[in-house]
PDB file of N, CA and C in Angstrom:
ATOM      1  N   UNK A   1     -43.765 -13.729   4.460  1.00  0.00           N
ATOM      2  CA  UNK A   1     -43.862 -13.407   6.054  1.00  0.00           C
ATOM      3  C   UNK A   1     -45.141 -13.026   6.729  1.00  0.00           C
ATOM      4  N   UNK A   2     -46.482 -12.567   5.174  1.00  0.00           N
ATOM      5  CA  UNK A   2     -47.471 -12.362   6.277  1.00  0.00           C
ATOM      6  C   UNK A   2     -48.304 -13.716   6.273  1.00  0.00           C
ATOM      7  N   UNK A   3     -47.214 -14.711   6.201  1.00  0.00           N
ATOM      8  CA  UNK A   3     -48.014 -15.955   6.187  1.00  0.00           C
ATOM      9  C   UNK A   3     -48.249 -16.145   7.905  1.00  0.00           C
ATOM     10  N   UNK A   4     -47.033 -16.078   8.422  1.00  0.00           N
ATOM     11  CA  UNK A   4     -46.247 -16.154  10.088  1.00  0.00           C
ATOM     12  C   UNK A   4     -47.190 -14.609  10.437  1.00  0.00           C
ATOM     13  N   UNK A   5     -47.679 -14.132   9.981  1.00  0.00           N
ATOM     14  CA  UNK A   5     -48.271 -12.502  10.882  1.00  0.00           C
ATOM     15  C   UNK A   5     -49.094 -12.973  12.471  1.00  0.00           C
ATOM     16  N   UNK A   6     -49.674 -11.931  13.052  1.00  0.00           N
ATOM     17  CA  UNK A   6     -50.567 -12.359  13.055  1.00  0.00           C
ATOM     18  C   UNK A   6     -51.517 -11.913  12.716  1.00  0.00           C
ATOM     19  N   UNK A   7     -52.409 -11.682  13.326  1.00  0.00           N
ATOM     20  CA  UNK A   7     -54.109 -11.507  12.478  1.00  0.00           C
ATOM     21  C   UNK A   7     -53.832  -9.662  12.746  1.00  0.00           C
ATOM     22  N   UNK A   8     -53.573  -8.332  11.574  1.00  0.00           N
ATOM     23  CA  UNK A   8     -54.043  -7.288  12.273  1.00  0.00           C
ATOM     24  C   UNK A   8     -52.123  -7.194  12.096  1.00  0.00           C
ATOM     25  N   UNK A   9     -51.202  -8.083  12.431  1.00  0.00           N
ATOM     26  CA  UNK A   9     -50.277  -7.522  11.961  1.00  0.00           C
ATOM     27  C   UNK A   9     -49.211  -7.800  14.019  1.00  0.00           C
ATOM     28  N   UNK A  10     -47.910  -7.354  13.480  1.00  0.00           N
ATOM     29  CA  UNK A  10     -47.254  -7.102  14.856  1.00  0.00           C
ATOM     30  C   UNK A  10     -46.914  -5.629  15.583  1.00  0.00           C
ATOM     31  N   UNK A  11     -47.419  -6.261  16.795  1.00  0.00           N
ATOM     32  CA  UNK A  11     -47.631  -4.236  17.421  1.00  0.00           C
ATOM     33  C   UNK A  11     -45.741  -3.753  17.943  1.00  0.00           C
ATOM     34  N   UNK A  12     -44.995  -4.649  17.990  1.00  0.00           N
ATOM     35  CA  UNK A  12     -43.827  -3.887  17.558  1.00  0.00           C
ATOM     36  C   UNK A  12     -42.579  -5.201  16.825  1.00  0.00           C
ATOM     37  N   UNK A  13     -42.165  -3.868  16.534  1.00  0.00           N
ATOM     38  CA  UNK A  13     -40.929  -4.654  15.062  1.00  0.00           C
ATOM     39  C   UNK A  13     -40.292  -4.010  16.169  1.00  0.00           C
ATOM     40  N   UNK A  14     -38.704  -4.489  15.239  1.00  0.00           N
ATOM     41  CA  UNK A  14     -37.492  -4.257  16.144  1.00  0.00           C
ATOM     42  C   UNK A  14     -36.971  -4.368  14.624  1.00  0.00           C
ATOM     43  N   UNK A  15     -35.845  -3.447  13.962  1.00  0.00           N
ATOM     44  CA  UNK A  15     -35.328  -3.548  12.635  1.00  0.00           C
ATOM     45  C   UNK A  15     -33.833  -3.296  13.091  1.00  0.00           C
ATOM     46  N   UNK A  16     -32.653  -4.151  13.264  1.00  0.00           N
ATOM     47  CA  UNK A  16     -30.995  -3.761  13.813  1.00  0.00           C
ATOM     48  C   UNK A  16     -30.407  -4.041  12.111  1.00  0.00           C
ATOM     49  N   UNK A  17     -30.587  -3.705  11.725  1.00  0.00           N
ATOM     50  CA  UNK A  17     -29.684  -4.101   9.791  1.00  0.00           C
ATOM     51  C   UNK A  17     -28.036  -3.481  10.366  1.00  0.00           C
ATOM     52  N   UNK A  18     -26.915  -3.447   9.631  1.00  0.00           N
ATOM     53  CA  UNK A  18     -26.299  -3.626   9.206  1.00  0.00           C
ATOM     54  C   UNK A  18     -26.463  -1.590   8.876  1.00  0.00           C
ATOM     55  N   UNK A  19     -25.126  -1.484   9.798  1.00  0.00           N
ATOM     56  CA  UNK A  19     -25.750   0.255   9.518  1.00  0.00           C
ATOM     57  C   UNK A  19     -24.865   1.195   8.240  1.00  0.00           C
ATOM     58  N   UNK A  20     -25.730   2.266   8.061  1.00  0.00           N
ATOM     59  CA  UNK A  20     -25.324   3.123   7.465  1.00  0.00           C
ATOM     60  C   UNK A  20     -25.162   2.642   6.096  1.00  0.00           C
ATOM     61  N   UNK A  21     -26.938   1.473   5.573  1.00  0.00           N
ATOM     62  CA  UNK A  21     -26.241   1.291   4.046  1.00  0.00           C
ATOM     63  C   UNK A  21     -28.176   0.898   3.453  1.00  0.00           C
ATOM     64  N   UNK A  22     -29.001   1.758   5.072  1.00  0.00           N
ATOM     65  CA  UNK A  22     -30.163   1.810   4.152  1.00  0.00           C
ATOM     66  C   UNK A  22     -30.848   1.350   4.165  1.00  0.00           C
ATOM     67  N   UNK A  23     -30.396  -0.545   5.308  1.00  0.00           N
ATOM     68  CA  UNK A  23     -31.435  -1.664   4.851  1.00  0.00           C
ATOM     69  C   UNK A  23     -32.406  -0.846   5.635  1.00  0.00           C
ATOM     70  N   UNK A  24     -32.548  -0.321   7.438  1.00  0.00           N
ATOM     71  CA  UNK A  24     -33.380  -0.371   7.603  1.00  0.00           C
ATOM     72  C   UNK A  24     -34.987   0.533   6.942  1.00  0.00           C
ATOM     73  N   UNK A  25     -34.467   1.171   6.328  1.00  0.00           N
ATOM     74  CA  UNK A  25     -35.823   2.036   5.729  1.00  0.00           C
ATOM     75  C   UNK A  25     -36.320   1.412   4.548  1.00  0.00           C
ATOM     76  N   UNK A  26     -36.257   0.677   4.158  1.00  0.00           N
ATOM     77  CA  UNK A  26     -36.416  -0.843   2.554  1.00  0.00           C
ATOM     78  C   UNK A  26     -36.381  -1.242   3.929  1.00  0.00           C
ATOM     79  N   UNK A  27     -36.200  -2.250   4.590  1.00  0.00           N
ATOM     80  CA  UNK A  27     -37.041  -2.873   5.309  1.00  0.00           C
ATOM     81  C   UNK A  27     -39.117  -2.252   5.934  1.00  0.00           C
ATOM     82  N   UNK A  28     -38.223  -0.964   6.418  1.00  0.00           N
ATOM     83  CA  UNK A  28     -39.566  -0.440   7.085  1.00  0.00           C
ATOM     84  C   UNK A  28     -40.225  -0.166   5.720  1.00  0.00           C
ATOM     85  N   UNK A  29     -40.527  -0.431   4.998  1.00  0.00           N
ATOM     86  CA  UNK A  29     -41.153  -0.207   3.566  1.00  0.00           C
ATOM     87  C   UNK A  29     -41.574  -1.555   3.005  1.00  0.00           C
ATOM     88  N   UNK A  30     -40.632  -2.060   3.278  1.00  0.00           N
ATOM     89  CA  UNK A  30     -41.261  -4.071   3.085  1.00  0.00           C
ATOM     90  C   UNK A  30     -42.376  -3.914   3.812  1.00  0.00           C
ATOM     91  N   UNK A  31     -41.790  -4.227   5.955  1.00  0.00           N
ATOM     92  CA  UNK A  31     -43.326  -4.970   6.195  1.00  0.00           C
ATOM     93  C   UNK A  31     -44.442  -3.403   6.465  1.00  0.00           C
ATOM     94  N   UNK A  32     -44.081  -1.850   5.836  1.00  0.00           N
ATOM     95  CA  UNK A  32     -45.495  -1.544   5.540  1.00  0.00           C
ATOM     96  C   UNK A  32     -46.252  -1.948   4.653  1.00  0.00           C
ATOM     97  N   UNK A  33     -45.188  -1.939   3.423  1.00  0.00           N
ATOM     98  CA  UNK A  33     -46.602  -2.353   2.073  1.00  0.00           C
ATOM     99  C   UNK A  33     -46.568  -3.730   1.969  1.00  0.00           C
ATOM    100  N   UNK A  34     -46.871  -5.573   2.819  1.00  0.00           N
ATOM    101  CA  UNK A  34     -47.065  -6.099   3.482  1.00  0.00           C
ATOM    102  C   UNK A  34     -48.050  -5.806   4.751  1.00  0.00           C
ATOM    103  N   UNK A  35     -48.926  -5.060   4.557  1.00  0.00           N
ATOM    104  CA  UNK A  35     -49.583  -4.490   6.659  1.00  0.00           C
ATOM    105  C   UNK A  35     -49.174  -4.740   7.415  1.00  0.00           C
ATOM    106  N   UNK A  36     -48.536  -5.286   7.786  1.00  0.00           N
ATOM    107  CA  UNK A  36     -47.736  -6.033   9.217  1.00  0.00           C
ATOM    108  C   UNK A  36     -47.251  -5.457  10.772  1.00  0.00           C
ATOM    109  N   UNK A  37     -47.578  -3.246   9.835  1.00  0.00           N
ATOM    110  CA  UNK A  37     -47.211  -3.460  11.679  1.00  0.00           C
ATOM    111  C   UNK A  37     -49.117  -2.699  12.310  1.00  0.00           C
ATOM    112  N   UNK A  38     -49.108  -3.316  12.927  1.00  0.00           N
ATOM    113  CA  UNK A  38     -50.668  -3.608  13.773  1.00  0.00           C
ATOM    114  C   UNK A  38     -50.871  -1.921  14.711  1.00  0.00           C
ATOM    115  N   UNK A  39     -52.086  -1.910  14.067  1.00  0.00           N
ATOM    116  CA  UNK A  39     -53.040  -0.717  14.932  1.00  0.00           C
ATOM    117  C   UNK A  39     -53.477  -1.167  16.109  1.00  0.00           C
ATOM    118  N   UNK A  40     -53.216  -0.071  17.545  1.00  0.00           N
ATOM    119  CA  UNK A  40     -51.580   0.884  16.968  1.00  0.00           C
ATOM    120  C   UNK A  40     -50.781  -0.493  17.116  1.00  0.00           C
ATOM    121  N   UNK A  41     -49.582   0.043  17.938  1.00  0.00           N
ATOM    122  CA  UNK A  41     -47.979  -0.711  17.130  1.00  0.00           C
ATOM    123  C   UNK A  41     -46.870   0.501  16.769  1.00  0.00           C
ATOM    124  N   UNK A  42     -45.951  -0.388  16.584  1.00  0.00           N
ATOM    125  CA  UNK A  42     -44.760   0.553  16.758  1.00  0.00           C
ATOM    126  C   UNK A  42     -43.291  -0.527  15.997  1.00  0.00           C
ATOM    127  N   UNK A  43     -42.618   0.652  15.183  1.00  0.00           N
ATOM    128  CA  UNK A  43     -41.973   0.361  14.890  1.00  0.00           C
ATOM    129  C   UNK A  43     -40.848   0.789  14.806  1.00  0.00           C
ATOM    130  N   UNK A  44     -39.794   0.107  15.917  1.00  0.00           N
ATOM    131  CA  UNK A  44     -37.850   0.885  15.772  1.00  0.00           C
ATOM    132  C   UNK A  44     -36.959   0.177  15.383  1.00  0.00           C
ATOM    133  N   UNK A  45     -36.406   1.258  14.773  1.00  0.00           N
ATOM    134  CA  UNK A  45     -35.402   1.381  13.712  1.00  0.00           C
ATOM    135  C   UNK A  45     -33.960   1.757  14.423  1.00  0.00           C
ATOM    136  N   UNK A  46     -32.778   0.797  13.723  1.00  0.00           N
ATOM    137  CA  UNK A  46     -31.919   0.918  14.668  1.00  0.00           C
ATOM    138  C   UNK A  46     -30.992   1.363  14.035  1.00  0.00           C
ATOM    139  N   UNK A  47     -29.716   2.258  13.803  1.00  0.00           N
ATOM    140  CA  UNK A  47     -29.523   3.143  12.804  1.00  0.00           C
ATOM    141  C   UNK A  47     -27.421   3.619  13.433  1.00  0.00           C
ATOM    142  N   UNK A  48     -27.242   4.379  13.156  1.00  0.00           N
ATOM    143  CA  UNK A  48     -25.918   4.680  13.506  1.00  0.00           C
ATOM    144  C   UNK A  48     -26.412   6.272  13.680  1.00  0.00           C
ATOM    145  N   UNK A  49     -25.940   6.157  15.216  1.00  0.00           N
ATOM    146  CA  UNK A  49     -27.296   7.621  15.658  1.00  0.00           C
ATOM    147  C   UNK A  49     -26.316   8.654  14.468  1.00  0.00           C
ATOM    148  N   UNK A  50     -27.094  10.317  13.840  1.00  0.00           N
ATOM    149  CA  UNK A  50     -26.576  10.735  13.700  1.00  0.00           C
ATOM    150  C   UNK A  50     -27.294  10.622  11.859  1.00  0.00           C
ATOM    151  N   UNK A  51     -27.583   9.385  11.867  1.00  0.00           N
ATOM    152  CA  UNK A  51     -27.965   9.196  10.354  1.00  0.00           C
ATOM    153  C   UNK A  51     -29.493   9.865  10.626  1.00  0.00           C
ATOM    154  N   UNK A  52     -29.737  10.307   8.775  1.00  0.00           N
ATOM    155  CA  UNK A  52     -31.012  11.090   8.610  1.00  0.00           C
ATOM    156  C   UNK A  52     -31.745   9.917   8.081  1.00  0.00           C
ATOM    157  N   UNK A  53     -33.239   9.864   9.106  1.00  0.00           N
ATOM    158  CA  UNK A  53     -34.017   8.799   8.666  1.00  0.00           C
ATOM    159  C   UNK A  53     -35.534   9.653   8.453  1.00  0.00           C
ATOM    160  N   UNK A  54     -36.369   9.169   7.355  1.00  0.00           N
ATOM    161  CA  UNK A  54     -37.590  10.297   6.854  1.00  0.00           C
ATOM    162  C   UNK A  54     -38.958  10.313   7.755  1.00  0.00           C
ATOM    163  N   UNK A  55     -39.142  11.360   7.664  1.00  0.00           N
ATOM    164  CA  UNK A  55     -40.180  11.418   8.042  1.00  0.00           C
ATOM    165  C   UNK A  55     -41.720  10.463   8.146  1.00  0.00           C
ATOM    166  N   UNK A  56     -41.406   9.751   6.977  1.00  0.00           N
ATOM    167  CA  UNK A  56     -42.378   9.179   6.393  1.00  0.00           C
ATOM    168  C   UNK A  56     -42.127   7.942   5.432  1.00  0.00           C
ATOM    169  N   UNK A  57     -42.273   6.762   5.767  1.00  0.00           N
ATOM    170  CA  UNK A  57     -42.062   5.734   5.658  1.00  0.00           C
ATOM    171  C   UNK A  57     -43.371   4.973   5.340  1.00  0.00           C
ATOM    172  N   UNK A  58     -43.655   4.899   3.511  1.00  0.00           N
ATOM    173  CA  UNK A  58     -45.288   4.631   3.591  1.00  0.00           C
ATOM    174  C   UNK A  58     -46.627   5.256   4.741  1.00  0.00           C
ATOM    175  N   UNK A  59     -46.894   4.703   5.495  1.00  0.00           N
ATOM    176  CA  UNK A  59     -48.484   5.369   6.026  1.00  0.00           C
ATOM    177  C   UNK A  59     -47.692   4.462   7.905  1.00  0.00           C
ATOM    178  N   UNK A  60     -45.997   4.724   8.045  1.00  0.00           N
ATOM    179  CA  UNK A  60     -45.474   4.346   8.887  1.00  0.00           C
ATOM    180  C   UNK A  60     -45.583   6.205   8.934  1.00  0.00           C
ATOM    181  N   UNK A  61     -45.323   7.318  10.343  1.00  0.00           N
ATOM    182  CA  UNK A  61     -44.686   8.705  10.576  1.00  0.00           C
ATOM    183  C   UNK A  61     -43.869   8.381  11.570  1.00  0.00           C
ATOM    184  N   UNK A  62     -42.989   9.529  11.508  1.00  0.00           N
ATOM    185  CA  UNK A  62     -41.392   8.986  13.049  1.00  0.00           C
ATOM    186  C   UNK A  62     -42.321  10.064  13.780  1.00  0.00           C
ATOM    187  N   UNK A  63     -42.131   9.262  15.232  1.00  0.00           N
ATOM    188  CA  UNK A  63     -43.058   9.836  16.799  1.00  0.00           C
ATOM    189  C   UNK A  63     -42.201   9.911  17.517  1.00  0.00           C
ATOM    190  N   UNK A  64     -40.664   9.561  17.117  1.00  0.00           N
ATOM    191  CA  UNK A  64     -39.516   9.776  18.226  1.00  0.00           C
ATOM    192  C   UNK A  64     -38.291   9.220  17.899  1.00  0.00           C
ATOM    193  N   UNK A  65     -37.085  10.134  18.295  1.00  0.00           N
ATOM    194  CA  UNK A  65     -36.222   9.451  18.023  1.00  0.00           C
ATOM    195  C   UNK A  65     -34.839   9.636  18.974  1.00  0.00           C
ATOM    196  N   UNK A  66     -34.341   9.097  18.861  1.00  0.00           N
ATOM    197  CA  UNK A  66     -32.666   8.740  20.281  1.00  0.00           C
ATOM    198  C   UNK A  66     -32.070   8.657  20.336  1.00  0.00           C
ATOM    199  N   UNK A  67     -30.456   8.769  20.473  1.00  0.00           N
ATOM    200  CA  UNK A  67     -29.899   8.612  20.496  1.00  0.00           C
ATOM    201  C   UNK A  67     -29.378   8.163  21.243  1.00  0.00           C
ATOM    202  N   UNK A  68     -28.230   7.255  21.610  1.00  0.00           N
ATOM    203  CA  UNK A  68     -27.682   6.105  22.960  1.00  0.00           C
ATOM    204  C   UNK A  68     -26.213   5.937  22.769  1.00  0.00           C
ATOM    205  N   UNK A  69     -25.395   6.728  23.320  1.00  0.00           N
ATOM    206  CA  UNK A  69     -24.422   6.260  22.532  1.00  0.00           C
ATOM    207  C   UNK A  69     -23.846   7.001  20.452  1.00  0.00           C
ATOM    208  N   UNK A  70     -23.566   5.899  19.577  1.00  0.00           N
ATOM    209  CA  UNK A  70     -23.255   5.745  19.062  1.00  0.00           C
ATOM    210  C   UNK A  70     -24.385   5.323  18.292  1.00  0.00           C
ATOM    211  N   UNK A  71     -25.804   4.525  18.828  1.00  0.00           N
ATOM    212  CA  UNK A  71     -26.532   4.077  18.271  1.00  0.00           C
ATOM    213  C   UNK A  71     -27.301   5.310  18.886  1.00  0.00           C
ATOM    214  N   UNK A  72     -28.759   5.420  17.025  1.00  0.00           N
ATOM    215  CA  UNK A  72     -29.609   6.199  17.210  1.00  0.00           C
ATOM    216  C   UNK A  72     -30.988   5.043  16.591  1.00  0.00           C
ATOM    217  N   UNK A  73     -32.052   5.226  17.981  1.00  0.00           N
ATOM    218  CA  UNK A  73     -33.415   4.755  17.189  1.00  0.00           C
ATOM    219  C   UNK A  73     -34.506   5.648  16.672  1.00  0.00           C
ATOM    220  N   UNK A  74     -35.252   5.594  15.814  1.00  0.00           N
ATOM    221  CA  UNK A  74     -36.270   5.959  15.484  1.00  0.00           C
ATOM    222  C   UNK A  74     -37.545   5.132  15.403  1.00  0.00           C
ATOM    223  N   UNK A  75     -38.679   5.099  15.999  1.00  0.00           N
ATOM    224  CA  UNK A  75     -39.641   5.043  16.600  1.00  0.00           C
ATOM    225  C   UNK A  75     -40.738   5.159  15.586  1.00  0.00           C
ATOM    226  N   UNK A  76     -41.407   4.544  15.052  1.00  0.00           N
ATOM    227  CA  UNK A  76     -42.198   5.163  13.327  1.00  0.00           C
ATOM    228  C   UNK A  76     -43.899   4.440  13.953  1.00  0.00           C
ATOM    229  N   UNK A  77     -44.544   5.021  13.735  1.00  0.00           N
ATOM    230  CA  UNK A  77     -46.268   4.134  14.283  1.00  0.00           C
ATOM    231  C   UNK A  77     -47.041   4.168  12.783  1.00  0.00           C
ATOM    232  N   UNK A  78     -47.807   3.317  12.705  1.00  0.00           N
ATOM    233  CA  UNK A  78     -48.628   3.592  11.854  1.00  0.00           C
ATOM    234  C   UNK A  78     -49.732   4.735  11.415  1.00  0.00           C
ATOM    235  N   UNK A  79     -49.693   5.615   9.874  1.00  0.00           N
ATOM    236  CA  UNK A  79     -50.968   6.704  10.432  1.00  0.00           C
ATOM    237  C   UNK A  79     -51.422   6.687   9.042  1.00  0.00           C
ATOM    238  N   UNK A  80     -52.784   6.750   8.951  1.00  0.00           N
ATOM    239  CA  UNK A  80     -53.288   6.778   8.201  1.00  0.00           C
ATOM    240  C   UNK A  80     -53.387   8.291   6.833  1.00  0.00           C
ATOM    241  N   UNK A  81     -53.213   8.492   6.032  1.00  0.00           N
ATOM    242  CA  UNK A  81     -52.297   8.719   5.019  1.00  0.00           C
ATOM    243  C   UNK A  81     -53.491  10.532   5.962  1.00  0.00           C
ATOM    244  N   UNK A  82     -54.881  10.471   5.738  1.00  0.00           N
ATOM    245  CA  UNK A  82     -55.480  11.507   6.533  1.00  0.00           C
ATOM    246  C   UNK A  82     -55.260  11.752   7.484  1.00  0.00           C
ATOM    247  N   UNK A  83     -54.338  11.883   8.838  1.00  0.00           N
ATOM    248  CA  UNK A  83     -54.357  11.728   9.674  1.00  0.00           C
ATOM    249  C   UNK A  83     -52.724  12.131   9.535  1.00  0.00           C
ATOM    250  N   UNK A  84     -52.117  13.825  10.978  1.00  0.00           N
ATOM    251  CA  UNK A  84     -51.351  14.501  10.426  1.00  0.00           C
ATOM    252  C   UNK A  84     -50.550  13.521  11.861  1.00  0.00           C
ATOM    253  N   UNK A  85     -49.077  13.526  11.373  1.00  0.00           N
ATOM    254  CA  UNK A  85     -48.065  12.775  12.396  1.00  0.00           C
ATOM    255  C   UNK A  85     -47.868  13.273  13.489  1.00  0.00           C
TER     256      UNK A  85
END
């Protein structure tokens, strides 16, 4: 996938894996490891509302969380380790 990425990464990534299996966090961690989230950029993770998501996934910091019916959205932004979320 890195070969397909634009220089500097993607400015918006939306992850919508099967709910309740932890696949979204794993995918987000891999995207972070590959440095595919641009600065500035957003990674939106969808899962079942009420699911627990970490405050940080690598260099991605949780910026906002929203609930729409039984759907939850967690919005992450890239942060330098020296920055506060």
